[in-house]
Amino acid sequence: MEKHSWRGAYNVTMSNERQLLIGQLAREVGVKADTIRFYEKQNLLPKPTRIAAGYRVYDEAALKQLRFIKQAQSLGFLLQEIHRILNLRGEGKMTCRCVLGIAEATLSETETKLQELEAFRDGLKRHVQQWRSKTQNGGKMAAEFCALIESESEAK
């Protein structure tokens, strides 16, 4: 193992593969070190090796897996779904079918949420217009808006 200047943290070399400390790994992927520790606790990342000073040391496989996790999250997968996918890796067609099923369920949930948000937006827009028209006629703003909210909750 080699220790270089602290400015660049440690550049640890074990064999020919690049090794990263937790801060370096976090910067490369754009997460916080706490996120990496959390993923380890959730078994999304394997436990890293440690150098004599006790620092965690990660390899290229950990970097690749962390990037996979972040990309899967950006596509809408939940951590438990990502965990399941990671556990299925290497099982061929079964993995592909499972990932497709998870993606289809996520897409369906996203479409449902989008419809709910659109309905919320439309209702809010309608109520804001009613509120504006009533307050322009001398109504009390807060009281009128609260009345609109109460009337909407009673209608449901």
C-alpha atoms as a PDB file:
ATOM      1  CA  MET A   1       0.000   0.000   0.000  1.00  0.00           C
ATOM      2  CA  GLU A   2       1.191   3.482  -0.782  1.00  0.00           C
ATOM      3  CA  LYS A   3       0.371   6.607   1.109  1.00  0.00           C
ATOM      4  CA  HIS A   4       0.530   9.868  -0.803  1.00  0.00           C
ATOM      5  CA  SER A   5      -0.010  13.411   0.419  1.00  0.00           C
ATOM      6  CA  TRP A   6      -3.084  13.928   2.574  1.00  0.00           C
ATOM      7  CA  ARG A   7      -4.314  16.617   0.130  1.00  0.00           C
ATOM      8  CA  GLY A   8      -5.359  13.913  -2.278  1.00  0.00           C
ATOM      9  CA  ALA A   9      -6.424  11.706   0.608  1.00  0.00           C
ATOM     10  CA  TYR A  10      -5.038   8.214   0.250  1.00  0.00           C
ATOM     11  CA  ASN A  11      -4.451   6.598  -3.071  1.00  0.00           C
ATOM     12  CA  VAL A  12      -4.350   2.985  -2.085  1.00  0.00           C
ATOM     13  CA  THR A  13      -3.113   0.453  -4.539  1.00  0.00           C
ATOM     14  CA  MET A  14      -3.710  -3.216  -4.011  1.00  0.00           C
ATOM     15  CA  SER A  15      -2.866  -5.110  -7.153  1.00  0.00           C
ATOM     16  CA  ASN A  16      -3.414  -2.963 -10.235  1.00  0.00           C
ATOM     17  CA  GLU A  17      -6.953  -1.918  -9.391  1.00  0.00           C
ATOM     18  CA  ARG A  18      -7.728   1.607  -8.257  1.00  0.00           C
ATOM     19  CA  GLN A  19      -8.911   1.861  -4.667  1.00  0.00           C
ATOM     20  CA  LEU A  20     -10.983   4.727  -3.254  1.00  0.00           C
ATOM     21  CA  LEU A  21     -11.643   6.011   0.222  1.00  0.00           C
ATOM     22  CA  ILE A  22     -15.258   6.747   1.130  1.00  0.00           C
ATOM     23  CA  GLY A  23     -14.931  10.495   0.460  1.00  0.00           C
ATOM     24  CA  GLN A  24     -13.387   9.885  -2.948  1.00  0.00           C
ATOM     25  CA  LEU A  25     -16.097   7.377  -3.846  1.00  0.00           C
ATOM     26  CA  ALA A  26     -18.795   9.776  -2.668  1.00  0.00           C
ATOM     27  CA  ARG A  27     -17.399  12.636  -4.787  1.00  0.00           C
ATOM     28  CA  GLU A  28     -17.110  10.462  -7.894  1.00  0.00           C
ATOM     29  CA  VAL A  29     -20.770   9.461  -7.720  1.00  0.00           C
ATOM     30  CA  GLY A  30     -22.153  12.704  -6.281  1.00  0.00           C
ATOM     31  CA  VAL A  31     -23.446  11.410  -2.963  1.00  0.00           C
ATOM     32  CA  LYS A  32     -22.487  11.950   0.668  1.00  0.00           C
ATOM     33  CA  ALA A  33     -20.346   9.520   2.613  1.00  0.00           C
ATOM     34  CA  ASP A  34     -23.332   8.924   4.914  1.00  0.00           C
ATOM     35  CA  THR A  35     -25.291   7.677   1.905  1.00  0.00           C
ATOM     36  CA  ILE A  36     -22.613   5.099   1.199  1.00  0.00           C
ATOM     37  CA  ARG A  37     -22.621   3.960   4.833  1.00  0.00           C
ATOM     38  CA  PHE A  38     -26.432   3.697   4.678  1.00  0.00           C
ATOM     39  CA  TYR A  39     -26.264   1.589   1.509  1.00  0.00           C
ATOM     40  CA  GLU A  40     -23.785  -0.712   3.231  1.00  0.00           C
ATOM     41  CA  LYS A  41     -26.157  -1.142   6.186  1.00  0.00           C
ATOM     42  CA  GLN A  42     -28.983  -1.915   3.750  1.00  0.00           C
ATOM     43  CA  ASN A  43     -26.767  -4.505   1.986  1.00  0.00           C
ATOM     44  CA  LEU A  44     -26.901  -2.588  -1.273  1.00  0.00           C
ATOM     45  CA  LEU A  45     -23.122  -2.291  -1.217  1.00  0.00           C
ATOM     46  CA  PRO A  46     -20.736  -4.938   0.079  1.00  0.00           C
ATOM     47  CA  LYS A  47     -18.733  -4.191   3.204  1.00  0.00           C
ATOM     48  CA  PRO A  48     -15.463  -2.600   2.115  1.00  0.00           C
ATOM     49  CA  THR A  49     -12.016  -3.652   3.155  1.00  0.00           C
ATOM     50  CA  ARG A  50     -10.200  -1.387   5.585  1.00  0.00           C
ATOM     51  CA  ILE A  51      -6.646  -0.181   5.596  1.00  0.00           C
ATOM     52  CA  ALA A  52      -4.463  -0.292   8.718  1.00  0.00           C
ATOM     53  CA  ALA A  53      -5.667   3.196   9.746  1.00  0.00           C
ATOM     54  CA  GLY A  54      -9.243   1.877   9.735  1.00  0.00           C
ATOM     55  CA  TYR A  55     -10.403   3.764   6.646  1.00  0.00           C
ATOM     56  CA  ARG A  56     -12.853   2.073   4.303  1.00  0.00           C
ATOM     57  CA  VAL A  57     -11.369   1.230   0.906  1.00  0.00           C
ATOM     58  CA  TYR A  58     -13.577   0.635  -2.134  1.00  0.00           C
ATOM     59  CA  ASP A  59     -12.751  -0.921  -5.474  1.00  0.00           C
ATOM     60  CA  GLU A  60     -14.020  -0.334  -9.006  1.00  0.00           C
ATOM     61  CA  ALA A  61     -16.821  -2.878  -8.477  1.00  0.00           C
ATOM     62  CA  ALA A  62     -18.186  -0.793  -5.590  1.00  0.00           C
ATOM     63  CA  LEU A  63     -17.964   2.339  -7.745  1.00  0.00           C
ATOM     64  CA  LYS A  64     -19.856   0.600 -10.549  1.00  0.00           C
ATOM     65  CA  GLN A  65     -22.507  -0.737  -8.157  1.00  0.00           C
ATOM     66  CA  LEU A  66     -23.001   2.667  -6.527  1.00  0.00           C
ATOM     67  CA  ARG A  67     -23.469   4.256  -9.965  1.00  0.00           C
ATOM     68  CA  PHE A  68     -25.987   1.521 -10.797  1.00  0.00           C
ATOM     69  CA  ILE A  69     -27.928   2.266  -7.595  1.00  0.00           C
ATOM     70  CA  LYS A  70     -28.047   6.007  -8.304  1.00  0.00           C
ATOM     71  CA  GLN A  71     -29.097   5.447 -11.933  1.00  0.00           C
ATOM     72  CA  ALA A  72     -31.826   3.006 -10.882  1.00  0.00           C
ATOM     73  CA  GLN A  73     -33.090   5.544  -8.334  1.00  0.00           C
ATOM     74  CA  SER A  74     -33.172   8.256 -10.983  1.00  0.00           C
ATOM     75  CA  LEU A  75     -35.393   5.955 -13.055  1.00  0.00           C
ATOM     76  CA  GLY A  76     -37.837   5.661 -10.157  1.00  0.00           C
ATOM     77  CA  PHE A  77     -36.799   2.374  -8.587  1.00  0.00           C
ATOM     78  CA  LEU A  78     -37.074   2.142  -4.801  1.00  0.00           C
ATOM     79  CA  LEU A  79     -34.138   0.904  -2.755  1.00  0.00           C
ATOM     80  CA  GLN A  80     -35.886  -2.396  -1.975  1.00  0.00           C
ATOM     81  CA  GLU A  81     -36.472  -2.930  -5.703  1.00  0.00           C
ATOM     82  CA  ILE A  82     -32.832  -2.148  -6.421  1.00  0.00           C
ATOM     83  CA  HIS A  83     -31.793  -4.592  -3.711  1.00  0.00           C
ATOM     84  CA  ARG A  84     -33.936  -7.265  -5.329  1.00  0.00           C
ATOM     85  CA  ILE A  85     -32.473  -6.547  -8.763  1.00  0.00           C
ATOM     86  CA  LEU A  86     -28.924  -6.695  -7.385  1.00  0.00           C
ATOM     87  CA  ASN A  87     -29.683 -10.052  -5.778  1.00  0.00           C
ATOM     88  CA  LEU A  88     -31.063 -11.394  -9.066  1.00  0.00           C
ATOM     89  CA  ARG A  89     -28.100 -10.243 -11.156  1.00  0.00           C
ATOM     90  CA  GLY A  90     -26.550 -12.933 -13.241  1.00  0.00           C
ATOM     91  CA  GLU A  91     -29.653 -15.107 -13.413  1.00  0.00           C
ATOM     92  CA  GLY A  92     -30.284 -14.308 -17.078  1.00  0.00           C
ATOM     93  CA  LYS A  93     -33.833 -14.110 -18.379  1.00  0.00           C
ATOM     94  CA  MET A  94     -35.357 -14.289 -14.907  1.00  0.00           C
ATOM     95  CA  THR A  95     -33.549 -11.089 -13.951  1.00  0.00           C
ATOM     96  CA  CYS A  96     -34.735  -9.336 -17.108  1.00  0.00           C
ATOM     97  CA  ARG A  97     -38.358 -10.397 -16.522  1.00  0.00           C
ATOM     98  CA  CYS A  98     -38.205  -9.306 -12.913  1.00  0.00           C
ATOM     99  CA  VAL A  99     -36.690  -5.919 -13.769  1.00  0.00           C
ATOM    100  CA  LEU A 100     -39.300  -5.426 -16.501  1.00  0.00           C
ATOM    101  CA  GLY A 101     -42.078  -6.271 -14.024  1.00  0.00           C
ATOM    102  CA  ILE A 102     -40.701  -3.820 -11.479  1.00  0.00           C
ATOM    103  CA  ALA A 103     -40.361  -1.152 -14.175  1.00  0.00           C
ATOM    104  CA  GLU A 104     -43.946  -1.711 -15.342  1.00  0.00           C
ATOM    105  CA  ALA A 105     -45.249  -1.425 -11.766  1.00  0.00           C
ATOM    106  CA  THR A 106     -43.193   1.730 -11.207  1.00  0.00           C
ATOM    107  CA  LEU A 107     -44.516   3.215 -14.445  1.00  0.00           C
ATOM    108  CA  SER A 108     -48.094   2.442 -13.414  1.00  0.00           C
ATOM    109  CA  GLU A 109     -47.575   4.030  -9.981  1.00  0.00           C
ATOM    110  CA  THR A 110     -45.967   7.077 -11.584  1.00  0.00           C
ATOM    111  CA  GLU A 111     -48.878   7.515 -13.996  1.00  0.00           C
ATOM    112  CA  THR A 112     -51.346   7.272 -11.099  1.00  0.00           C
ATOM    113  CA  LYS A 113     -49.411   9.860  -9.084  1.00  0.00           C
ATOM    114  CA  LEU A 114     -49.229  12.118 -12.134  1.00  0.00           C
ATOM    115  CA  GLN A 115     -53.004  11.931 -12.598  1.00  0.00           C
ATOM    116  CA  GLU A 116     -53.512  12.744  -8.909  1.00  0.00           C
ATOM    117  CA  LEU A 117     -51.151  15.722  -9.178  1.00  0.00           C
ATOM    118  CA  GLU A 118     -52.928  16.990 -12.287  1.00  0.00           C
ATOM    119  CA  ALA A 119     -56.293  16.736 -10.508  1.00  0.00           C
ATOM    120  CA  PHE A 120     -54.826  18.565  -7.513  1.00  0.00           C
ATOM    121  CA  ARG A 121     -53.417  21.293  -9.785  1.00  0.00           C
ATOM    122  CA  ASP A 122     -56.741  21.715 -11.574  1.00  0.00           C
ATOM    123  CA  GLY A 123     -58.658  21.911  -8.284  1.00  0.00           C
ATOM    124  CA  LEU A 124     -56.196  24.357  -6.785  1.00  0.00           C
ATOM    125  CA  LYS A 125     -56.295  26.530  -9.905  1.00  0.00           C
ATOM    126  CA  ARG A 126     -60.100  26.583  -9.790  1.00  0.00           C
ATOM    127  CA  HIS A 127     -60.115  27.484  -6.100  1.00  0.00           C
ATOM    128  CA  VAL A 128     -57.511  30.224  -6.491  1.00  0.00           C
ATOM    129  CA  GLN A 129     -59.643  31.773  -9.255  1.00  0.00           C
ATOM    130  CA  GLN A 130     -62.736  31.621  -7.012  1.00  0.00           C
ATOM    131  CA  TRP A 131     -60.757  33.114  -4.143  1.00  0.00           C
ATOM    132  CA  ARG A 132     -59.511  35.962  -6.320  1.00  0.00           C
ATOM    133  CA  SER A 133     -62.985  36.784  -7.620  1.00  0.00           C
ATOM    134  CA  LYS A 134     -64.505  36.754  -4.117  1.00  0.00           C
ATOM    135  CA  THR A 135     -61.740  38.872  -2.573  1.00  0.00           C
ATOM    136  CA  GLN A 136     -62.010  41.449  -5.378  1.00  0.00           C
ATOM    137  CA  ASN A 137     -65.585  42.015  -4.237  1.00  0.00           C
ATOM    138  CA  GLY A 138     -64.453  43.025  -0.749  1.00  0.00           C
ATOM    139  CA  GLY A 139     -64.360  39.626   0.931  1.00  0.00           C
ATOM    140  CA  LYS A 140     -61.849  38.820   3.599  1.00  0.00           C
ATOM    141  CA  MET A 141     -58.962  36.959   2.041  1.00  0.00           C
ATOM    142  CA  ALA A 142     -58.047  34.477   4.764  1.00  0.00           C
ATOM    143  CA  ALA A 143     -61.648  33.787   5.747  1.00  0.00           C
ATOM    144  CA  GLU A 144     -62.727  33.260   2.140  1.00  0.00           C
ATOM    145  CA  PHE A 145     -59.836  30.940   1.369  1.00  0.00           C
ATOM    146  CA  CYS A 146     -60.473  28.886   4.501  1.00  0.00           C
ATOM    147  CA  ALA A 147     -64.161  28.674   3.567  1.00  0.00           C
ATOM    148  CA  LEU A 148     -63.178  27.328   0.136  1.00  0.00           C
ATOM    149  CA  ILE A 149     -60.976  24.663   1.745  1.00  0.00           C
ATOM    150  CA  GLU A 150     -63.719  23.705   4.197  1.00  0.00           C
ATOM    151  CA  SER A 151     -66.355  23.496   1.471  1.00  0.00           C
ATOM    152  CA  GLU A 152     -64.064  21.296  -0.615  1.00  0.00           C
ATOM    153  CA  SER A 153     -63.361  18.936   2.289  1.00  0.00           C
ATOM    154  CA  GLU A 154     -67.103  18.660   3.058  1.00  0.00           C
ATOM    155  CA  ALA A 155     -67.845  17.821  -0.589  1.00  0.00           C
ATOM    156  CA  LYS A 156     -65.613  14.750  -0.348  1.00  0.00           C
END
